[in-house]
Amino acid sequence: MHAAIVDSPALAGTLVIGTDCPLLSPELLRQAAAGLHQHDATVVPADDGGYVLIGLRRAAQQVFERVAWSTAEVMAQTRERLTELNWRWAELSPLWDIDRDADFVRLAELFPELRTLGAG
C-alpha cells in the first residue's frame, strides 16, 4: 500500500481500496477523497477490525509498520500509527468485506444471482 501511495501522481492524496468490499460506491469514494482536503488521512474501517479503504494525503511508511495484518487489530493499530504521526484523519462508517465463507453468504443475500455462478 505504501508503494502505491509513493508512486501515485495524485497531488491531493491517494486512496487505496480493497477489491473485496461490495459496498464501496462512487459516492463513498468521493466522500473519502473529500476527507483528504481537511485531513492527513481518511479510512473506512471494516467491521472485522481491518479497513476496506485508506487514503493518505502524503506517503508515510510508518502508517503501515508494526501492524498485525489480517487480524482484528489492524484498524486499532492504524489509529495508533496515525496518532504517533500527529495526523488528523477522517473515519467513515464501517463496512464489511469478503474474507470468510460467512461473508460470501452475506454477499449472496445481497446479490442472489451470485448463487448461480459456477452452477453448471
Protein backbone atom coordinates (compact mmCIF):
# COMPACT_ATOMS: atom_id res chain seq x y z
CA MET A 1 0.00 0.00 0.00
CA HIS A 2 2.81 2.36 0.86
CA ALA A 3 4.43 1.79 -2.54
CA ALA A 4 1.15 2.57 -4.32
CA ILE A 5 0.91 5.86 -2.46
CA VAL A 6 4.57 6.73 -3.09
CA ASP A 7 4.16 6.03 -6.82
CA SER A 8 0.85 7.85 -7.17
CA PRO A 9 0.97 11.00 -9.30
CA ALA A 10 -2.10 12.41 -7.49
CA LEU A 11 -1.25 15.68 -5.79
CA ALA A 12 -4.28 15.79 -3.49
CA GLY A 13 -3.68 12.35 -1.97
CA THR A 14 -4.28 8.74 -2.88
CA LEU A 15 -6.98 6.25 -1.93
CA VAL A 16 -6.05 2.58 -1.68
CA ILE A 17 -9.09 0.31 -1.76
CA GLY A 18 -9.66 -3.36 -1.21
CA THR A 19 -11.27 -5.30 -4.03
CA ASP A 20 -13.37 -7.38 -1.64
CA CYS A 21 -15.86 -4.78 -0.40
CA PRO A 22 -19.04 -4.83 -2.49
CA LEU A 23 -20.47 -1.76 -0.74
CA LEU A 24 -17.78 0.70 -1.85
CA SER A 25 -19.73 3.07 -4.06
CA PRO A 26 -18.69 6.04 -6.18
CA GLU A 27 -20.31 8.34 -3.60
CA LEU A 28 -18.35 6.76 -0.76
CA LEU A 29 -15.13 7.10 -2.76
CA ARG A 30 -15.93 10.79 -3.31
CA GLN A 31 -16.52 11.23 0.43
CA ALA A 32 -13.23 9.52 1.25
CA ALA A 33 -11.34 11.66 -1.26
CA ALA A 34 -13.01 14.81 0.09
CA GLY A 35 -11.80 13.86 3.56
CA LEU A 36 -8.25 14.40 2.33
CA HIS A 37 -8.99 18.10 1.74
CA GLN A 38 -9.06 18.68 5.50
CA HIS A 39 -7.29 15.66 6.95
CA ASP A 40 -3.97 13.88 6.53
CA ALA A 41 -5.73 10.55 6.10
CA THR A 42 -9.13 9.05 5.58
CA VAL A 43 -10.18 5.50 6.46
CA VAL A 44 -13.20 3.26 6.01
CA PRO A 45 -12.95 0.60 8.74
CA ALA A 46 -14.09 -2.95 8.13
CA ASP A 47 -16.42 -4.50 10.67
CA ASP A 48 -13.89 -7.30 11.22
CA GLY A 49 -11.27 -4.92 12.67
CA GLY A 50 -9.40 -4.08 9.49
CA TYR A 51 -10.21 -1.48 6.90
CA VAL A 52 -11.56 -1.51 3.35
CA LEU A 53 -10.04 1.81 2.29
CA ILE A 54 -7.22 4.06 3.41
CA GLY A 55 -6.31 7.36 1.86
CA LEU A 56 -3.25 9.43 2.63
CA ARG A 57 -2.50 12.96 1.53
CA ARG A 58 1.20 12.07 1.52
CA ALA A 59 3.13 8.84 1.85
CA ALA A 60 4.33 7.73 5.28
CA GLN A 61 5.80 4.26 5.74
CA GLN A 62 5.08 4.45 9.48
CA VAL A 63 1.32 4.10 8.86
CA PHE A 64 1.91 0.52 7.68
CA GLU A 65 4.61 -0.56 10.14
CA ARG A 66 4.03 -2.71 13.22
CA VAL A 67 0.56 -3.70 12.02
CA ALA A 68 -0.60 -7.29 12.55
CA TRP A 69 -2.08 -7.68 9.08
CA SER A 70 -5.11 -9.95 8.59
CA THR A 71 -6.13 -9.65 12.24
CA ALA A 72 -8.86 -7.82 14.12
CA GLU A 73 -6.19 -5.38 15.37
CA VAL A 74 -5.39 -3.71 12.03
CA MET A 75 -7.65 -0.67 12.40
CA ALA A 76 -6.71 -0.09 16.04
CA GLN A 77 -3.02 -0.30 15.18
CA THR A 78 -3.51 2.02 12.21
CA ARG A 79 -5.15 4.57 14.51
CA GLU A 80 -2.09 4.27 16.76
CA ARG A 81 0.27 4.90 13.82
CA LEU A 82 -1.75 7.95 12.71
CA THR A 83 -1.72 9.28 16.27
CA GLU A 84 2.06 8.77 16.50
CA LEU A 85 2.43 10.90 13.37
CA ASN A 86 0.18 13.54 14.96
CA TRP A 87 -2.07 13.27 11.90
CA ARG A 88 -5.74 14.15 11.73
CA TRP A 89 -7.94 11.66 9.92
CA ALA A 90 -11.50 11.24 8.77
CA GLU A 91 -13.07 7.92 9.62
CA LEU A 92 -16.20 6.94 7.70
CA SER A 93 -18.76 4.37 8.79
CA PRO A 94 -17.54 0.76 8.86
CA LEU A 95 -18.37 -1.62 6.04
CA TRP A 96 -17.92 -5.35 5.63
CA ASP A 97 -15.70 -7.18 3.19
CA ILE A 98 -15.42 -10.73 1.88
CA ASP A 99 -12.85 -12.65 3.92
CA ARG A 100 -14.70 -15.75 5.16
CA ASP A 101 -17.41 -18.14 3.98
CA ALA A 102 -19.95 -16.29 6.11
CA ASP A 103 -19.10 -13.10 4.23
CA PHE A 104 -19.90 -14.77 0.91
CA VAL A 105 -23.24 -15.88 2.33
CA ARG A 106 -23.91 -12.26 3.27
CA LEU A 107 -22.91 -11.18 -0.25
CA ALA A 108 -25.22 -13.77 -1.82
CA GLU A 109 -28.09 -12.47 0.30
CA LEU A 110 -27.45 -9.01 -1.11
CA PHE A 111 -26.95 -10.28 -4.68
CA PRO A 112 -28.93 -13.58 -5.02
CA GLU A 113 -27.82 -14.04 -8.63
CA LEU A 114 -24.35 -14.92 -7.31
CA ARG A 115 -25.70 -18.24 -6.05
CA THR A 116 -25.94 -19.49 -9.64
CA LEU A 117 -22.34 -18.64 -10.61
CA GLY A 118 -20.40 -21.76 -11.34
CA ALA A 119 -23.53 -23.92 -11.37
CA GLY A 120 -23.42 -25.97 -14.31
